[in-house]
């Protein structure tokens, strides 16, 4: 089941599709541990694995963008220590 996404997201990019996924609890736990080992969320790990499987099968669309960057943006606003 997909949830419709209307319009565009930040910076004019299309919004990402949301999909309800039912998994066996032990499969989810193994996936979550693997994601943690790779410093990804379970959701990012699922997308990574799906993209890899599509690419390996020659089914990844050419117009597929890169995986979205996760976490803090590079450079910039790291908190400064309080001055004494």
C-alpha atoms as a PDB file:
ATOM      1  CA  UNK A   1       0.000   0.000   0.000  1.00  0.00           C
ATOM      2  CA  UNK A   2       1.410   3.395  -0.879  1.00  0.00           C
ATOM      3  CA  UNK A   3       0.434   6.725   0.557  1.00  0.00           C
ATOM      4  CA  UNK A   4       0.000   9.387  -2.124  1.00  0.00           C
ATOM      5  CA  UNK A   5       2.432  12.242  -2.020  1.00  0.00           C
ATOM      6  CA  UNK A   6       1.304  15.515  -3.472  1.00  0.00           C
ATOM      7  CA  UNK A   7       3.530  18.312  -4.679  1.00  0.00           C
ATOM      8  CA  UNK A   8       7.199  18.768  -4.132  1.00  0.00           C
ATOM      9  CA  UNK A   9       9.390  18.562  -1.099  1.00  0.00           C
ATOM     10  CA  UNK A  10      12.199  20.889  -0.033  1.00  0.00           C
ATOM     11  CA  UNK A  11      14.158  22.523  -2.838  1.00  0.00           C
ATOM     12  CA  UNK A  12      11.619  21.405  -5.452  1.00  0.00           C
ATOM     13  CA  UNK A  13      12.442  17.692  -5.194  1.00  0.00           C
ATOM     14  CA  UNK A  14       9.541  15.233  -5.446  1.00  0.00           C
ATOM     15  CA  UNK A  15       8.410  13.876  -2.112  1.00  0.00           C
ATOM     16  CA  UNK A  16       9.470  10.354  -1.290  1.00  0.00           C
ATOM     17  CA  UNK A  17       6.910   7.539  -1.414  1.00  0.00           C
ATOM     18  CA  UNK A  18       5.759   6.003   1.822  1.00  0.00           C
ATOM     19  CA  UNK A  19       5.156   2.245   1.845  1.00  0.00           C
ATOM     20  CA  UNK A  20       3.686   0.103   4.578  1.00  0.00           C
ATOM     21  CA  UNK A  21       5.881  -2.980   4.989  1.00  0.00           C
ATOM     22  CA  UNK A  22       5.036  -5.921   7.189  1.00  0.00           C
ATOM     23  CA  UNK A  23       8.019  -8.008   8.288  1.00  0.00           C
ATOM     24  CA  UNK A  24       8.527 -10.995  10.520  1.00  0.00           C
ATOM     25  CA  UNK A  25       9.820  -9.589  13.836  1.00  0.00           C
ATOM     26  CA  UNK A  26      13.028 -11.644  13.688  1.00  0.00           C
ATOM     27  CA  UNK A  27      13.714 -10.425  10.133  1.00  0.00           C
ATOM     28  CA  UNK A  28      13.201  -6.828  11.283  1.00  0.00           C
ATOM     29  CA  UNK A  29      15.535  -7.303  14.263  1.00  0.00           C
ATOM     30  CA  UNK A  30      18.260  -8.755  12.027  1.00  0.00           C
ATOM     31  CA  UNK A  31      17.779  -5.890   9.562  1.00  0.00           C
ATOM     32  CA  UNK A  32      17.902  -3.294  12.353  1.00  0.00           C
ATOM     33  CA  UNK A  33      21.162  -4.786  13.700  1.00  0.00           C
ATOM     34  CA  UNK A  34      22.676  -4.776  10.194  1.00  0.00           C
ATOM     35  CA  UNK A  35      21.553  -1.173   9.668  1.00  0.00           C
ATOM     36  CA  UNK A  36      23.097  -0.171  12.987  1.00  0.00           C
ATOM     37  CA  UNK A  37      26.389  -1.833  12.015  1.00  0.00           C
ATOM     38  CA  UNK A  38      26.353   0.234   8.784  1.00  0.00           C
ATOM     39  CA  UNK A  39      25.341   3.432  10.648  1.00  0.00           C
ATOM     40  CA  UNK A  40      21.986   3.589   8.836  1.00  0.00           C
ATOM     41  CA  UNK A  41      18.369   3.592   9.936  1.00  0.00           C
ATOM     42  CA  UNK A  42      16.326   0.478   9.196  1.00  0.00           C
ATOM     43  CA  UNK A  43      14.450   2.470   6.536  1.00  0.00           C
ATOM     44  CA  UNK A  44      17.698   3.596   4.850  1.00  0.00           C
ATOM     45  CA  UNK A  45      19.007   0.008   4.978  1.00  0.00           C
ATOM     46  CA  UNK A  46      15.866  -1.294   3.268  1.00  0.00           C
ATOM     47  CA  UNK A  47      16.193   1.321   0.515  1.00  0.00           C
ATOM     48  CA  UNK A  48      19.913   0.555   0.115  1.00  0.00           C
ATOM     49  CA  UNK A  49      19.223  -3.171  -0.233  1.00  0.00           C
ATOM     50  CA  UNK A  50      16.312  -2.656  -2.638  1.00  0.00           C
ATOM     51  CA  UNK A  51      18.411  -0.384  -4.857  1.00  0.00           C
ATOM     52  CA  UNK A  52      21.278  -2.910  -4.828  1.00  0.00           C
ATOM     53  CA  UNK A  53      18.921  -5.761  -5.757  1.00  0.00           C
ATOM     54  CA  UNK A  54      17.366  -3.685  -8.563  1.00  0.00           C
ATOM     55  CA  UNK A  55      20.808  -2.727  -9.897  1.00  0.00           C
ATOM     56  CA  UNK A  56      22.044  -6.341  -9.724  1.00  0.00           C
ATOM     57  CA  UNK A  57      18.960  -7.467 -11.676  1.00  0.00           C
ATOM     58  CA  UNK A  58      19.395  -4.692 -14.240  1.00  0.00           C
ATOM     59  CA  UNK A  59      16.075  -3.135 -13.202  1.00  0.00           C
ATOM     60  CA  UNK A  60      17.160   0.087 -11.497  1.00  0.00           C
ATOM     61  CA  UNK A  61      15.713   2.955 -13.573  1.00  0.00           C
ATOM     62  CA  UNK A  62      18.354   5.199 -15.156  1.00  0.00           C
ATOM     63  CA  UNK A  63      16.708   8.341 -13.811  1.00  0.00           C
ATOM     64  CA  UNK A  64      16.934   7.157 -10.195  1.00  0.00           C
ATOM     65  CA  UNK A  65      18.627   9.804  -8.081  1.00  0.00           C
ATOM     66  CA  UNK A  66      21.295   9.081  -5.491  1.00  0.00           C
ATOM     67  CA  UNK A  67      20.392   7.937  -2.016  1.00  0.00           C
ATOM     68  CA  UNK A  68      19.473  10.966   0.077  1.00  0.00           C
ATOM     69  CA  UNK A  69      22.145  12.153   2.467  1.00  0.00           C
ATOM     70  CA  UNK A  70      21.322  11.394   6.064  1.00  0.00           C
ATOM     71  CA  UNK A  71      22.330  13.213   9.211  1.00  0.00           C
ATOM     72  CA  UNK A  72      23.803  16.663   9.648  1.00  0.00           C
ATOM     73  CA  UNK A  73      24.775  18.720   6.635  1.00  0.00           C
ATOM     74  CA  UNK A  74      28.559  18.875   6.088  1.00  0.00           C
ATOM     75  CA  UNK A  75      30.564  21.759   7.576  1.00  0.00           C
ATOM     76  CA  UNK A  76      29.110  24.811   9.186  1.00  0.00           C
ATOM     77  CA  UNK A  77      27.414  25.050  12.507  1.00  0.00           C
ATOM     78  CA  UNK A  78      29.131  22.752  15.005  1.00  0.00           C
ATOM     79  CA  UNK A  79      28.417  23.942  18.552  1.00  0.00           C
ATOM     80  CA  UNK A  80      31.277  25.882  20.084  1.00  0.00           C
ATOM     81  CA  UNK A  81      32.463  25.197  23.602  1.00  0.00           C
ATOM     82  CA  UNK A  82      31.478  27.894  26.106  1.00  0.00           C
ATOM     83  CA  UNK A  83      34.157  30.521  26.568  1.00  0.00           C
ATOM     84  CA  UNK A  84      35.643  30.772  30.041  1.00  0.00           C
END
